[in-house]
Protein backbone atom coordinates (compact mmCIF):
# COMPACT_ATOMS: atom_id res chain seq x y z
CA MET A 1 99.87 98.81 70.45
CA ASN A 2 100.89 95.25 71.39
CA SER A 3 101.60 93.95 74.87
CA ASN A 4 103.43 90.63 74.81
CA SER A 5 103.17 88.17 77.67
CA ASN A 6 103.69 84.71 76.11
CA ALA A 7 106.79 82.96 77.39
CA GLN A 8 109.57 82.04 74.98
CA THR A 9 112.89 80.50 75.83
CA PRO A 10 116.25 81.82 74.59
CA THR A 11 116.67 78.53 72.73
CA GLU A 12 113.61 79.29 70.60
CA SER A 13 115.05 82.72 69.77
CA GLN A 14 118.37 81.14 68.80
CA SER A 15 116.73 78.95 66.15
CA HIS A 16 116.43 81.89 63.73
CA PRO A 17 118.70 82.15 60.66
CA PRO A 18 121.89 84.17 61.18
CA ILE A 19 121.60 87.97 60.91
CA THR A 20 124.13 89.53 58.57
CA SER A 21 124.56 93.29 58.36
CA ALA A 22 127.34 95.78 57.91
CA VAL A 23 127.20 97.94 61.05
CA THR A 24 124.43 98.15 63.63
CA GLY A 25 124.65 101.03 66.09
CA ILE A 26 123.20 101.11 69.61
CA PHE A 27 122.71 104.70 70.79
CA CYS A 28 122.04 105.37 74.47
CA THR A 29 123.45 107.21 77.47
CA CYS A 30 126.22 104.63 77.86
CA ASP A 31 128.81 107.33 78.52
CA VAL A 32 127.71 108.15 82.09
CA GLU A 33 128.61 106.17 85.22
CA ASN A 34 125.23 104.60 85.80
CA TYR A 35 124.66 100.85 86.02
CA GLY A 36 121.50 100.54 83.92
CA ASP A 37 122.71 102.82 81.14
CA LEU A 38 126.00 100.95 80.86
CA LEU A 39 124.23 97.59 80.77
CA TYR A 40 122.18 98.33 77.65
CA PRO A 41 124.92 97.90 75.01
CA ILE A 42 126.12 94.76 76.82
CA MET A 43 122.65 93.23 76.85
CA PHE A 44 121.95 94.33 73.28
CA ARG A 45 125.07 92.49 72.13
CA HIS A 46 124.09 89.37 74.08
CA MET A 47 120.62 89.41 72.54
CA MET A 48 121.96 89.92 69.02
CA GLN A 49 124.72 87.31 69.36
CA SER A 50 122.27 84.74 70.74
CA ARG A 51 120.52 85.14 67.39
CA GLN A 52 123.79 84.40 65.52
CA HIS A 53 124.36 88.02 64.56
CA THR A 54 127.69 88.21 62.71
CA GLY A 55 127.87 91.89 61.79
CA GLU A 56 129.63 94.67 63.66
CA ILE A 57 127.85 96.36 66.58
CA LYS A 58 129.02 99.82 67.63
CA SER A 59 128.04 101.69 70.77
CA TYR A 60 127.18 105.38 70.50
CA GLY A 61 126.78 108.05 73.15
CA PHE A 62 127.57 111.73 73.28
CA LEU A 63 131.15 111.47 74.58
CA ASP A 64 133.61 109.13 72.89
CA GLY A 65 136.11 106.89 74.64
CA ALA A 66 136.08 103.84 76.87
CA ALA A 67 132.70 103.29 78.56
CA PRO A 68 132.79 104.11 82.29
CA ALA A 69 132.81 101.52 85.09
CA GLN A 70 135.00 99.07 83.18
CA ALA A 71 131.97 98.16 81.04
CA GLY A 72 134.29 96.67 78.43
CA TYR A 73 133.38 98.50 75.23
CA GLU A 74 134.27 101.67 73.39
CA VAL A 75 131.79 104.47 72.81
CA ASP A 76 131.75 106.59 69.66
CA SER A 77 130.20 110.06 69.65
CA ILE A 78 126.88 110.06 67.82
CA SER A 79 127.59 113.54 66.45
CA GLY A 80 130.16 112.03 64.09
CA VAL A 81 127.40 110.00 62.42
CA LEU A 82 124.64 112.61 62.53
CA ASN A 83 126.79 115.07 60.61
CA GLU A 84 127.47 112.65 57.75
CA HIS A 85 125.45 112.83 54.53
CA THR A 86 126.01 109.29 53.25
CA ALA A 87 125.06 105.96 54.81
CA GLN A 88 127.31 104.96 57.72
CA LEU A 89 125.10 102.37 59.43
CA THR A 90 122.75 99.64 58.36
CA ALA A 91 120.57 100.45 61.36
CA LEU A 92 120.66 102.58 64.48
CA VAL A 93 118.88 101.20 67.53
CA ILE A 94 118.09 103.87 70.12
CA GLY A 95 117.82 102.01 73.36
CA GLY A 96 117.31 101.96 77.03
CA GLY A 97 116.33 104.21 79.87
CA ASP A 98 114.06 107.22 80.26
CA ILE A 99 115.51 108.76 77.11
CA LEU A 100 112.44 109.68 75.04
CA ARG A 101 112.29 113.24 76.30
CA THR A 102 112.96 116.78 75.17
CA ASP A 103 114.61 118.41 78.20
CA LYS A 104 118.10 118.64 76.69
CA ASN A 105 119.51 120.78 79.51
CA LYS A 106 118.47 118.25 82.16
CA ILE A 107 120.08 115.36 80.30
CA ALA A 108 123.19 117.46 79.68
CA SER A 109 123.44 118.19 83.43
CA HIS A 110 124.20 114.49 84.02
CA TYR A 111 127.30 114.97 81.89
CA GLU A 112 128.56 118.18 83.49
CA SER A 113 131.24 116.67 85.75
CA LEU A 114 132.48 114.24 83.09
CA TYR A 115 132.57 116.98 80.46
CA ARG A 116 134.35 119.32 82.85
CA GLN A 117 137.10 116.74 83.40
CA ARG A 118 137.49 116.43 79.65
CA VAL A 119 137.56 120.10 78.71
CA LEU A 120 139.93 121.02 81.55
CA LYS A 121 142.58 118.94 79.79
CA SER A 122 142.40 121.27 76.78
CA PRO A 123 144.93 124.16 76.83
CA TRP A 124 142.55 126.17 74.64
CA TYR A 125 139.80 125.89 77.25
CA ARG A 126 142.17 127.09 80.00
CA ILE A 127 143.17 130.08 77.86
CA ARG A 128 139.52 130.96 77.16
CA LYS A 129 138.70 130.57 80.85
CA ARG A 130 141.44 133.04 81.81
CA LEU A 131 140.31 135.53 79.18
CA PHE A 132 136.54 135.22 79.42
CA GLY A 133 135.82 133.35 82.64
CA GLU A 134 134.06 130.03 83.27
CA SER A 135 131.71 129.02 80.46
CA ASP A 136 128.31 127.41 80.92
CA LEU A 137 129.27 123.80 80.32
CA ILE A 138 125.69 122.54 80.14
CA LYS A 139 124.83 125.03 77.40
CA THR A 140 128.09 124.19 75.61
CA PHE A 141 127.36 120.47 75.84
CA VAL A 142 123.88 120.88 74.37
CA HIS A 143 125.19 123.04 71.53
CA LYS A 144 128.03 120.66 70.69
CA PHE A 145 126.47 117.23 71.11
CA MET A 146 122.69 117.41 71.04
CA ALA A 147 121.57 117.83 67.46
CA ASP A 148 119.67 121.05 66.77
CA ARG A 149 117.53 119.26 64.19
CA SER A 150 116.09 116.80 66.73
CA ILE A 151 113.26 117.56 69.14
CA GLY A 152 114.99 115.45 71.81
CA PRO A 153 118.61 114.36 72.22
CA LEU A 154 117.69 110.72 71.58
CA ILE A 155 114.60 111.24 69.43
CA LEU A 156 115.95 111.18 65.90
CA ASP A 157 113.89 111.59 62.75
CA ALA A 158 115.40 109.20 60.20
CA LYS A 159 114.49 111.60 57.39
CA ASP A 160 116.86 114.21 58.83
CA TYR A 161 119.87 111.91 59.12
CA PRO A 162 120.76 109.99 55.95
CA ALA A 163 123.73 108.28 57.62
CA LEU A 164 121.60 106.30 60.08
CA GLY A 165 119.97 103.70 57.87
CA LEU A 166 117.00 102.03 59.55
CA VAL A 167 116.01 103.53 62.93
CA ALA A 168 114.47 101.53 65.77
CA TYR A 169 113.71 102.22 69.44
CA CYS A 170 114.41 99.41 71.91
CA SER A 171 113.25 99.18 75.55
CA CYS A 172 112.85 102.92 76.03
CA GLY A 173 110.80 104.92 78.50
CA VAL A 174 108.91 108.22 78.17
CA PRO A 175 109.14 109.99 81.55
CA PHE A 176 106.98 113.06 80.85
CA GLU A 177 104.08 114.19 78.70
CA PHE A 178 105.23 116.11 75.63
CA LYS A 179 104.30 119.78 75.37
CA GLU A 180 101.72 120.75 72.78
CA GLN A 181 104.29 122.64 70.69
CA GLU A 182 106.54 119.55 70.64
CA LYS A 183 104.00 116.92 69.66
CA ALA A 184 104.13 117.35 65.86
CA ALA A 185 107.92 116.90 65.76
CA VAL A 186 107.78 113.96 68.18
CA ALA A 187 105.06 112.25 66.13
CA GLN A 188 106.95 112.80 62.88
CA ALA A 189 110.15 111.29 64.26
CA PHE A 190 108.44 108.17 65.55
CA ASN A 191 106.23 107.76 62.51
CA HIS A 192 109.42 107.59 60.43
CA ALA A 193 110.91 104.89 62.69
CA ASP A 194 111.12 101.28 61.54
CA PHE A 195 110.32 99.76 64.95
CA ILE A 196 109.23 101.08 68.35
CA TYR A 197 109.52 99.04 71.56
CA VAL A 198 108.82 100.77 74.86
CA ARG A 199 109.09 99.22 78.30
CA ASP A 200 105.71 100.09 79.84
CA HIS A 201 102.17 100.98 78.85
CA GLN A 202 102.35 104.56 80.11
CA SER A 203 105.25 105.31 77.73
CA ALA A 204 103.23 103.97 74.80
CA GLU A 205 100.24 106.08 75.82
CA LYS A 206 102.33 109.26 76.00
CA LEU A 207 103.60 108.63 72.48
CA GLN A 208 100.08 108.00 71.23
CA ARG A 209 98.84 111.21 72.85
CA ALA A 210 101.63 113.01 70.98
CA GLY A 211 100.18 111.73 67.71
CA VAL A 212 102.36 108.69 66.99
CA MET A 213 100.49 106.44 64.55
CA GLN A 214 103.13 103.76 64.12
CA ASN A 215 102.66 100.40 65.85
CA ILE A 216 104.15 100.53 69.35
CA GLU A 217 105.34 97.30 70.94
CA VAL A 218 105.13 97.13 74.73
CA ALA A 219 107.24 94.61 76.65
CA PRO A 220 109.28 94.64 79.87
CA ASP A 221 112.70 96.23 80.05
CA LEU A 222 115.39 94.43 78.02
CA ILE A 223 117.48 93.88 81.16
CA VAL A 224 115.00 91.36 82.59
CA THR A 225 116.82 88.87 80.32
CA LEU A 226 120.07 89.36 82.28
CA SER A 227 119.90 85.92 83.92
CA ASP A 228 119.76 84.26 80.49
CA PHE A 229 123.36 85.35 80.00
CA TYR A 230 124.71 85.55 83.58
CA GLU A 231 124.23 82.41 85.66
CA ARG A 232 123.24 83.35 89.20
CA THR A 233 125.15 80.64 91.07
CA ALA A 234 128.47 81.66 89.51
CA GLU A 235 127.76 85.38 89.88
CA ALA A 236 126.65 84.97 93.51
CA LYS A 237 129.85 83.07 94.37
CA ARG A 238 131.92 85.89 92.95
CA GLY A 239 129.68 88.46 94.63
CA ARG A 240 130.07 86.87 98.07
CA ALA A 241 133.84 87.15 97.75
CA ILE A 242 133.46 90.86 96.95
CA LEU A 243 131.04 91.38 99.86
CA TYR A 244 133.43 89.60 102.23
CA SER A 245 136.25 91.90 101.16
CA TYR A 246 134.12 94.85 102.33
CA GLY A 247 133.49 93.32 105.76
CA VAL A 248 130.10 91.73 105.08
CA ASP A 249 129.49 88.47 106.99
CA THR A 250 128.56 86.25 104.04
CA SER A 251 127.62 83.33 106.29
CA LYS A 252 124.38 85.27 106.82
CA ARG A 253 121.67 86.24 104.37
CA VAL A 254 122.42 89.65 102.84
CA LEU A 255 119.99 92.54 102.31
CA GLY A 256 121.29 94.69 99.47
CA PHE A 257 120.23 98.33 99.67
CA GLN A 258 120.62 101.28 97.30
CA CYS A 259 119.34 104.85 97.12
CA GLY A 260 120.35 108.31 95.97
CA PRO A 261 120.57 111.44 98.14
CA GLN A 262 117.83 111.78 100.76
CA SER A 263 116.75 114.34 103.34
CA ALA A 264 118.27 114.14 106.81
CA SER A 265 115.03 112.78 108.26
CA ASP A 266 114.86 110.11 105.53
CA TYR A 267 118.36 108.84 106.32
CA ALA A 268 117.30 108.41 109.94
CA GLU A 269 114.08 106.63 108.93
CA ILE A 270 115.85 104.34 106.45
CA ALA A 271 118.42 103.36 109.07
CA LYS A 272 115.65 102.70 111.61
CA GLN A 273 113.62 100.54 109.22
CA ILE A 274 116.58 98.53 107.91
CA ALA A 275 117.97 97.99 111.42
CA HIS A 276 114.56 96.73 112.58
CA TYR A 277 114.30 94.26 109.69
CA SER A 278 117.94 93.19 110.08
CA GLN A 279 117.44 92.41 113.79
CA GLN A 280 114.26 90.44 113.07
CA SER A 281 115.70 88.43 110.17
CA GLY A 282 119.32 88.15 111.31
CA CYS A 283 120.61 89.41 107.96
CA GLU A 284 123.64 91.49 107.06
CA VAL A 285 123.14 94.83 105.28
CA ALA A 286 125.23 95.79 102.23
CA LEU A 287 124.92 99.29 100.78
CA VAL A 288 125.53 99.01 97.02
CA PRO A 289 125.88 102.16 94.85
CA VAL A 290 124.95 101.67 91.20
CA GLY A 291 124.37 105.26 90.06
CA TYR A 292 127.55 107.23 90.67
CA CYS A 293 126.31 109.95 88.32
CA HIS A 294 123.34 110.33 90.69
CA ASN A 295 125.56 110.43 93.82
CA ASP A 296 124.51 107.02 95.16
CA ASP A 297 127.98 106.70 96.66
CA LYS A 298 127.67 109.85 98.75
CA ALA A 299 124.17 108.92 99.91
CA LEU A 300 125.13 105.41 100.96
CA GLN A 301 128.34 106.49 102.68
CA ARG A 302 126.22 108.87 104.75
CA LEU A 303 123.77 106.08 105.54
CA ALA A 304 126.66 103.85 106.64
CA ALA A 305 127.74 106.62 109.02
CA VAL A 306 124.18 107.04 110.36
CA SER A 307 124.11 103.27 111.07
CA GLN A 308 127.40 103.64 112.99
CA GLY A 309 129.00 100.97 110.87
CA ALA A 310 126.24 98.38 111.19
CA PHE A 311 125.58 98.63 107.45
CA LYS A 312 128.58 97.93 105.23
CA TYR A 313 129.30 100.26 102.31
CA VAL A 314 130.27 98.14 99.28
CA GLY A 315 131.81 100.62 96.85
CA VAL A 316 132.03 98.50 93.71
CA ARG A 317 132.86 100.54 90.61
CA SER A 318 132.56 98.07 87.72
CA VAL A 319 129.39 96.88 86.01
CA GLN A 320 130.47 93.25 86.38
CA ASP A 321 131.05 93.65 90.12
CA MET A 322 127.62 95.26 90.50
CA ILE A 323 125.97 92.30 88.77
CA SER A 324 127.83 89.84 90.98
CA VAL A 325 127.11 91.65 94.25
CA LEU A 326 123.41 92.00 93.42
CA ALA A 327 123.29 88.28 92.55
CA ALA A 328 124.74 87.46 95.99
CA CYS A 329 121.95 89.27 97.86
CA GLY A 330 119.17 87.22 99.42
CA ILE A 331 116.80 90.18 99.29
CA PHE A 332 117.09 93.66 97.77
CA MET A 333 115.56 97.10 98.31
CA GLY A 334 116.37 100.22 96.33
CA THR A 335 115.23 103.12 94.20
CA SER A 336 117.23 102.10 91.11
CA MET A 337 114.98 100.59 88.48
CA HIS A 338 117.75 98.48 86.97
CA ALA A 339 119.08 97.22 90.28
CA ASN A 340 115.53 96.05 91.00
CA ILE A 341 115.28 94.52 87.53
CA THR A 342 118.57 92.67 88.11
CA ALA A 343 117.19 91.24 91.34
CA PHE A 344 113.96 90.36 89.53
CA SER A 345 115.79 88.58 86.70
CA PHE A 346 117.74 86.48 89.21
CA GLY A 347 114.54 85.64 91.11
CA ILE A 348 115.64 87.61 94.18
CA PRO A 349 112.82 88.99 96.35
CA HIS A 350 112.96 92.77 96.11
CA LEU A 351 111.18 95.94 97.18
CA VAL A 352 111.11 99.16 95.15
CA GLY A 353 112.00 102.19 97.26
CA PRO A 354 109.88 105.35 97.11
CA ARG A 355 110.79 107.64 94.24
CA ALA A 356 108.89 110.26 92.26
CA ALA A 357 109.21 108.42 88.95
CA ASP A 358 106.34 106.59 87.27
CA LYS A 359 108.73 104.20 85.51
CA LEU A 360 108.95 102.12 88.69
CA GLY A 361 105.18 101.64 88.74
CA GLY A 362 105.37 100.87 85.04
CA PHE A 363 107.94 98.14 85.71
CA LEU A 364 105.72 96.50 88.34
CA ASP A 365 102.70 96.70 86.03
CA ILE A 366 104.30 95.32 82.84
CA THR A 367 105.88 92.39 84.72
CA GLY A 368 102.68 91.53 86.58
CA LEU A 369 104.27 92.11 89.99
CA ASP A 370 102.13 93.13 92.94
CA PRO A 371 101.92 96.96 93.10
CA GLY A 372 102.51 96.62 96.85
CA LEU A 373 106.17 95.98 95.99
CA GLY A 374 106.50 99.73 95.46
CA LEU A 375 106.97 101.70 98.69
CA ASN A 376 105.11 104.96 99.22
CA THR A 377 107.31 106.02 102.16
CA TRP A 378 110.40 104.64 103.85
CA SER A 379 108.40 104.18 107.09
CA GLU A 380 106.76 101.10 105.49
CA ALA A 381 110.05 99.38 104.69
CA ALA A 382 110.49 96.92 107.58
CA VAL A 383 106.95 95.54 107.36
CA ARG A 384 107.06 95.31 103.56
CA LEU A 385 110.47 93.60 103.59
CA GLN A 386 109.01 90.92 105.85
CA TRP A 387 106.10 90.51 103.42
CA VAL A 388 108.46 90.30 100.43
CA GLU A 389 110.42 87.59 102.24
CA GLU A 390 107.20 85.64 102.73
CA LEU A 391 106.36 85.95 99.02
CA GLY A 392 109.53 84.00 98.38
CA ALA A 393 111.84 83.53 95.42
CA ARG A 394 109.42 81.30 93.48
CA TYR A 395 106.95 84.15 93.12
CA PHE A 396 109.60 86.36 91.48
CA GLU A 397 111.09 83.52 89.40
CA GLY A 398 107.71 82.72 87.85
CA LYS A 399 107.04 86.33 86.93
CA ALA A 400 110.58 86.66 85.51
CA VAL A 401 110.09 83.67 83.17
CA LEU A 402 107.02 85.30 81.63
CA ALA A 403 108.69 88.71 81.37
CA LYS A 404 111.78 87.29 79.68
CA GLY A 405 109.65 85.39 77.19
CA SER A 406 107.84 88.60 76.24
CA VAL A 407 111.12 90.46 75.75
CA HIS A 408 112.59 87.70 73.56
CA LYS A 409 109.52 87.68 71.30
CA THR A 410 109.59 91.46 70.97
CA PHE A 411 113.33 91.48 70.29
CA ASP A 412 112.85 88.91 67.55
CA ARG A 413 110.47 91.32 65.84
CA LEU A 414 112.94 94.16 66.26
CA VAL A 415 115.65 92.06 64.62
CA GLN A 416 113.38 91.35 61.65
CA ALA A 417 112.62 95.07 61.33
CA ILE A 418 116.27 96.15 61.15
CA LYS A 419 117.53 93.48 58.78
CA PRO A 420 119.09 95.00 55.64
């Protein structure tokens, strides 16, 4: 297992010879309306193109069609490739998010509303519904899209799928320990992979405990390199115009806030803590949903109501608008890992909201950030926000430089591994 922490600039990465290949696929959950998931194919393309990649790059998910949130690319269904028996790709890179898991029904549940919209358009589905009643769409989704031969929806054993070519894992997370009866299949799949890069040490350790013997690279999340491709000054200017259109006073410093659904008592506590910090610091508060598939929008609209309009709901729906609005914030607090990583990449002081997910702790650890940047409860928020402000942008900028260097070095090795 390697953990990379030596800084490297994008210019150094760009000095490599051009990469030429037929078709490289990036397979992830880029077919749900969730900021981080939609960013992965965009960032993968940027990273490949900065290394003079000239071959075709195709994005794969479970549902085909235009990627949600105006992400700007088309998604092909992975099932079309998995069912082929001859080579279709030079390499398939499985990338991004907490996707190295076996709970197919849980992952499928994130697609239920999208899949419902799609199947309702089919006259055959409406006929079956009238004759036999409503079908279990989650079970149907798993059966139709999540390969029976694989132990997890995004854990693919290259030996089972001749169409895939080389198989690599890029910037993935392992959210849970694998069950004893799953470990042999998990180990086999990863031991047949050509490259494995996970985004925190705990993910690597879970794979090792499952019996994975392949080398596992550990580096921060790919999206820490965002600011290498999106210049903050330009993005912040655009973001301030968007904030202004939602009633945010952009002459003041802006606290960006995000969360998913909370308990009634938590909404009250969040509003209390943010209001206290806002009064002390004289900042405006912008509520920015990034995970529509996780009902961020409903949660933040409720919080806006609890604040009696003091906090402005900024209902951006495109990935580009989300990047710009986050870049315009002077400080950020939220439960979204990738919203926090965006703030981190831009050198924006940020505070990770309390959430029962160890990936957030893993992000703080792998980037060398103070573990105190992760809240245990919302009741700590006002005091911690003041502390984060005192840490200042330079603290975050310095950590981001090191994290980006580590990612670039690891990505260079991935590129070498998937060359034809």
